[in-house]
Protein backbone atom coordinates (compact mmCIF):
# COMPACT_ATOMS: atom_id res chain seq x y z
CA MET A 1 3.27 11.13 16.37
CA GLY A 2 6.02 9.76 14.10
CA LYS A 3 8.60 7.34 15.41
CA VAL A 4 12.21 8.35 14.70
CA LEU A 5 14.82 5.63 14.37
CA LYS A 6 18.50 6.30 15.08
CA SER A 7 19.65 9.36 16.99
CA ALA A 8 18.92 12.78 15.59
CA ALA A 9 22.67 13.49 15.52
CA ARG A 10 23.20 10.66 13.03
CA ILE A 11 20.44 11.69 10.62
CA ARG A 12 21.02 14.37 8.03
CA THR A 13 18.02 15.81 6.27
CA ASP A 14 19.84 15.90 2.93
CA GLN A 15 20.76 12.21 2.71
CA GLY A 16 19.48 8.75 3.56
CA VAL A 17 15.90 7.49 3.71
CA ARG A 18 12.91 9.21 5.25
CA ALA A 19 10.13 6.63 5.52
CA LEU A 20 6.43 7.40 5.94
CA VAL A 21 4.59 4.21 6.80
CA GLY A 22 1.18 3.37 8.16
CA PRO A 23 -2.26 1.87 7.58
CA THR A 24 -4.38 2.31 4.50
CA GLY A 25 -6.18 5.61 4.22
CA VAL A 26 -4.17 7.70 6.71
CA GLY A 27 -2.55 10.09 4.23
CA LYS A 28 0.80 8.41 3.49
CA SER A 29 0.79 9.36 -0.19
CA ALA A 30 -0.13 12.99 0.50
CA ALA A 31 2.57 13.27 3.17
CA ALA A 32 5.17 11.61 0.92
CA THR A 33 4.22 13.89 -1.97
CA ALA A 34 4.56 17.01 0.19
CA LEU A 35 7.94 15.86 1.51
CA ALA A 36 9.16 15.03 -2.00
CA ARG A 37 8.14 18.47 -3.27
CA ASP A 38 9.88 20.17 -0.34
CA THR A 39 13.13 18.22 -0.74
CA GLY A 40 13.24 17.25 -4.42
CA ALA A 41 13.70 13.62 -3.39
CA PRO A 42 12.13 10.74 -5.32
CA VAL A 43 9.44 8.60 -3.67
CA LEU A 44 9.86 4.83 -3.60
CA VAL A 45 6.61 2.96 -2.93
CA ALA A 46 6.90 -0.07 -0.64
CA ASP A 47 3.80 -1.89 -1.82
CA ARG A 48 3.73 -5.20 -3.73
CA ILE A 49 0.19 -4.93 -5.11
CA GLN A 50 0.74 -1.42 -6.48
CA CYS A 51 3.30 -2.97 -8.81
CA PHE A 52 0.45 -4.61 -10.76
CA THR A 53 -0.50 -2.21 -13.54
CA ASP A 54 -3.83 -3.98 -14.08
CA LEU A 55 -4.83 -3.51 -10.40
CA LEU A 56 -4.62 0.28 -10.23
CA VAL A 57 -7.95 0.81 -8.46
CA THR A 58 -7.57 -2.29 -6.29
CA SER A 59 -4.19 -1.19 -4.97
CA GLY A 60 -4.96 2.52 -4.74
CA ARG A 61 -2.21 3.36 -7.21
CA ALA A 62 -4.55 5.10 -9.67
CA ALA A 63 -5.02 8.19 -7.52
CA ASP A 64 -1.28 8.69 -6.95
CA ALA A 65 0.28 7.53 -10.22
CA GLN A 66 0.59 11.00 -11.79
CA VAL A 67 1.59 13.80 -9.45
CA PRO A 68 3.25 16.77 -11.18
CA GLY A 69 6.70 17.53 -9.86
CA VAL A 70 7.08 14.23 -7.98
CA ASP A 71 9.11 11.25 -9.17
CA ARG A 72 7.18 8.29 -7.73
CA ILE A 73 8.84 4.90 -8.30
CA TRP A 74 7.42 1.41 -7.91
CA LEU A 75 9.46 -1.70 -7.23
CA SER A 76 8.34 -3.40 -10.44
CA ASP A 77 5.80 -3.30 -13.25
CA ARG A 78 3.81 -6.51 -13.40
CA THR A 79 0.41 -7.85 -14.40
CA VAL A 80 -1.79 -10.48 -12.78
CA GLY A 81 -0.69 -12.88 -15.50
CA ASP A 82 2.84 -12.76 -14.06
CA GLY A 83 1.57 -14.21 -10.78
CA ASP A 84 2.23 -13.11 -7.23
CA TYR A 85 5.16 -10.85 -6.40
CA ALA A 86 6.75 -12.97 -3.68
CA PRO A 87 7.50 -11.08 -0.44
CA SER A 88 11.08 -12.35 -0.42
CA GLU A 89 11.66 -11.09 -3.97
CA ALA A 90 9.94 -7.77 -3.29
CA SER A 91 11.96 -7.24 -0.09
CA LYS A 92 15.19 -7.88 -1.94
CA ASP A 93 14.14 -5.45 -4.67
CA LEU A 94 13.18 -2.83 -2.08
CA LEU A 95 16.62 -2.85 -0.45
CA SER A 96 18.38 -2.85 -3.81
CA ARG A 97 16.34 0.07 -5.15
CA LEU A 98 16.79 2.08 -1.95
CA GLU A 99 20.56 1.70 -2.02
CA SER A 100 20.83 2.71 -5.67
CA LEU A 101 18.47 5.68 -5.20
CA VAL A 102 20.31 6.94 -2.11
CA THR A 103 23.56 6.73 -4.07
CA ALA A 104 22.04 8.63 -6.99
CA HIS A 105 19.92 11.21 -5.14
CA GLY A 106 21.22 11.41 -1.57
CA LEU A 107 17.73 11.56 -0.08
CA VAL A 108 14.85 9.16 -0.77
CA VAL A 109 11.28 9.23 0.56
CA LEU A 110 9.95 5.75 1.29
CA GLU A 111 6.17 5.45 1.32
CA GLY A 112 4.30 2.28 2.18
CA GLY A 113 1.89 0.10 4.05
CA SER A 114 2.90 -3.40 2.97
CA ILE A 115 3.20 -5.46 6.16
CA CYS A 116 5.65 -8.06 4.85
CA LEU A 117 7.94 -5.51 3.22
CA LEU A 118 8.03 -3.10 6.14
CA LEU A 119 8.52 -5.71 8.85
CA ASN A 120 11.46 -7.07 6.87
CA PHE A 121 12.76 -3.52 6.45
CA ALA A 122 12.47 -2.89 10.21
CA GLU A 123 14.55 -5.99 10.97
CA ARG A 124 17.36 -4.80 8.70
CA LEU A 125 17.58 -1.12 9.65
CA GLU A 126 20.78 -1.24 11.67
CA SER A 127 22.66 -3.07 8.91
CA LEU A 128 21.78 -0.59 6.17
CA PRO A 129 24.62 1.56 4.75
CA TYR A 130 22.66 4.81 5.06
CA SER A 131 20.72 6.68 7.72
CA VAL A 132 16.99 6.07 8.11
CA SER A 133 14.23 7.98 9.87
CA VAL A 134 10.74 6.51 10.09
CA ASN A 135 7.41 8.19 10.80
CA VAL A 136 4.60 5.77 11.64
CA LEU A 137 1.36 7.55 10.75
CA PRO A 138 -1.46 6.56 13.13
CA ILE A 139 -5.13 6.09 12.34
CA PRO A 140 -6.89 9.40 13.11
CA ASN A 141 -10.30 9.20 14.76
CA ARG A 142 -10.37 5.44 15.14
CA SER A 143 -14.12 5.29 15.77
CA HIS A 144 -14.80 6.81 12.33
CA TYR A 145 -12.16 4.79 10.50
CA PRO A 146 -14.42 1.89 9.38
CA ALA A 147 -17.02 4.30 7.98
CA ARG A 148 -14.32 6.13 6.01
CA GLN A 149 -13.14 2.83 4.56
CA ILE A 150 -16.70 1.89 3.57
CA ALA A 151 -17.05 5.23 1.76
CA ARG A 152 -13.72 4.66 0.04
CA ALA A 153 -14.84 1.19 -1.05
CA ARG A 154 -18.04 2.63 -2.51
CA LYS A 155 -16.04 4.98 -4.73
CA MET A 156 -13.82 2.12 -5.89
CA LEU A 157 -16.87 0.17 -7.06
CA VAL A 158 -18.05 2.98 -9.35
CA PRO A 159 -16.33 3.05 -12.76
CA ASP A 160 -14.01 6.00 -13.40
CA SER A 161 -13.89 8.00 -16.63
CA SER A 162 -12.09 5.14 -18.37
CA GLY A 163 -14.64 2.57 -17.16
CA ARG A 164 -12.19 1.00 -14.69
CA SER A 165 -13.37 -0.05 -11.22
CA LEU A 166 -12.61 -2.58 -8.54
CA LEU A 167 -15.18 -4.86 -10.19
CA THR A 168 -13.69 -4.68 -13.68
CA GLU A 169 -10.23 -5.40 -12.28
CA PHE A 170 -11.50 -8.37 -10.31
CA ALA A 171 -13.37 -9.82 -13.29
CA ALA A 172 -10.30 -9.48 -15.51
CA ALA A 173 -8.05 -11.07 -12.89
CA TRP A 174 -10.48 -13.95 -12.47
CA ARG A 175 -10.37 -14.61 -16.21
CA THR A 176 -6.57 -14.88 -16.15
CA PRO A 177 -5.71 -18.59 -16.35
CA GLY A 178 -4.00 -20.00 -13.30
CA GLN A 179 -4.10 -16.83 -11.21
CA ARG A 180 -7.39 -17.09 -9.36
CA ARG A 181 -5.72 -18.14 -6.12
CA PHE A 182 -3.49 -15.07 -6.29
CA ALA A 183 -6.44 -12.81 -7.13
CA VAL A 184 -8.42 -13.83 -4.06
CA SER A 185 -5.35 -13.33 -1.85
CA VAL A 186 -5.49 -9.59 -2.58
CA SER A 187 -7.31 -7.47 -0.01
CA GLY A 188 -10.61 -6.33 -1.52
CA LEU A 189 -10.73 -8.90 -4.28
CA ASP A 190 -11.26 -11.58 -1.65
CA SER A 191 -14.42 -9.80 -0.48
CA ILE A 192 -15.78 -9.56 -4.02
CA CYS A 193 -15.26 -13.30 -4.44
CA GLU A 194 -17.19 -13.93 -1.21
CA TRP A 195 -20.00 -11.64 -2.37
CA CYS A 196 -20.23 -13.48 -5.69
CA ALA A 197 -20.47 -16.84 -3.92
CA LYS A 198 -23.19 -15.52 -1.61
CA HIS A 199 -25.30 -14.21 -4.50
CA SER A 200 -24.53 -17.00 -7.01
CA VAL A 201 -22.83 -14.59 -9.41
CA GLU A 202 -20.11 -15.88 -11.72
CA PRO A 203 -16.97 -13.93 -10.71
CA GLU A 204 -15.96 -13.13 -14.28
CA GLU A 205 -19.41 -11.57 -14.84
CA VAL A 206 -19.59 -9.43 -11.69
CA ALA A 207 -18.71 -6.20 -13.52
CA LYS A 208 -21.80 -6.68 -15.70
CA VAL A 209 -24.21 -6.92 -12.76
CA ASP A 210 -26.76 -4.11 -12.51
CA PHE A 211 -26.12 -3.23 -8.87
CA SER A 212 -28.98 -1.80 -6.84
CA GLU A 213 -28.26 0.66 -4.04
CA LYS A 214 -28.81 -2.13 -1.54
CA MET A 215 -26.33 -4.40 -3.30
CA LEU A 216 -23.75 -1.63 -3.53
CA GLY A 217 -24.22 -0.88 0.15
CA GLU A 218 -23.76 -4.51 1.10
CA LEU A 219 -20.58 -4.96 -0.95
CA SER A 220 -19.18 -1.58 0.13
CA THR A 221 -19.67 -2.58 3.76
CA MET A 222 -17.97 -5.94 3.25
CA LEU A 223 -15.02 -4.26 1.57
CA GLY A 224 -14.76 -1.34 3.98
CA GLU A 225 -14.86 -3.51 7.08
CA ARG A 226 -12.16 -5.74 5.61
CA TYR A 227 -10.01 -2.72 4.79
CA ALA A 228 -10.51 -1.29 8.27
CA ALA A 229 -9.58 -4.57 9.97
CA HIS A 230 -6.44 -4.72 7.85
CA GLY A 231 -5.65 -1.10 8.71
CA PHE A 232 -5.87 -1.74 12.45
CA THR A 233 -3.53 -4.73 11.99
CA GLN A 234 -1.08 -2.58 10.02
CA GLU A 235 -1.05 0.08 12.72
CA ARG A 236 -0.45 -2.44 15.51
CA LEU A 237 2.33 -4.30 13.69
CA PHE A 238 4.15 -1.19 12.47
CA GLN A 239 4.10 0.48 15.87
CA LYS A 240 5.39 -2.69 17.52
CA ALA A 241 8.08 -3.37 14.91
CA PHE A 242 9.52 0.12 14.86
CA ASP A 243 9.08 0.81 18.59
CA ASN A 244 10.87 -2.43 19.44
CA HIS A 245 13.67 -1.47 17.11
CA VAL A 246 14.11 1.85 18.89
CA ARG A 247 14.33 0.12 22.27
CA ASN A 248 16.73 -2.55 21.03
CA SER A 249 18.95 -0.28 18.96
CA PRO A 250 22.33 0.49 20.60
CA ASN A 251 22.37 3.77 18.66
CA ALA A 252 18.89 5.00 19.59
């Protein structure tokens, strides 16, 4: 069930921010898209890695980039060559964009799962100059969640119609001078680096490997289990951050 911040009497459905946050793979984008279509509000994505236009598969942005009738906005447009998008900078940009969008549109849908951005956002809620409601989407069917993430990882390893995959994005990022440390800090890309080390594969050549079903299964499992562990952490931290805010808020 979603968690609502601030009293219902203070929240108007036609203004402020309606945030849909939660772990990876729980339907945030679909829920945000439906809400945006119902209200006409733009969607602001609270995700640092989705700002990297050369990590579309890695970040999950590819599937949601073009949705007819929905104005989906990212905090920035960057490439791996620009280096990491520092959490402090991204948090500042998030608050700035939200304020300008609320002023321009009245209502904004905030969609995201970035831990650093959303924990910072939770700490600042009571000082914001507009009303905010937050729904924390839980992980459905927790026992099946890891298997769903493994299946998702498998699809990300297979090239799409343009030839792009998680492997091609990793190989390209690895070839970017000076950004290997950043590349392996990204969830998913770190697992590919570990797999390459285990199998003595040069990281920049991994997209050229002729993967057998066994190899794909092994890498998909590594990735999916890492995604699932991250998802459980997201759920725990978001529920704690926003629940604590409700208890501590003098206006709740």
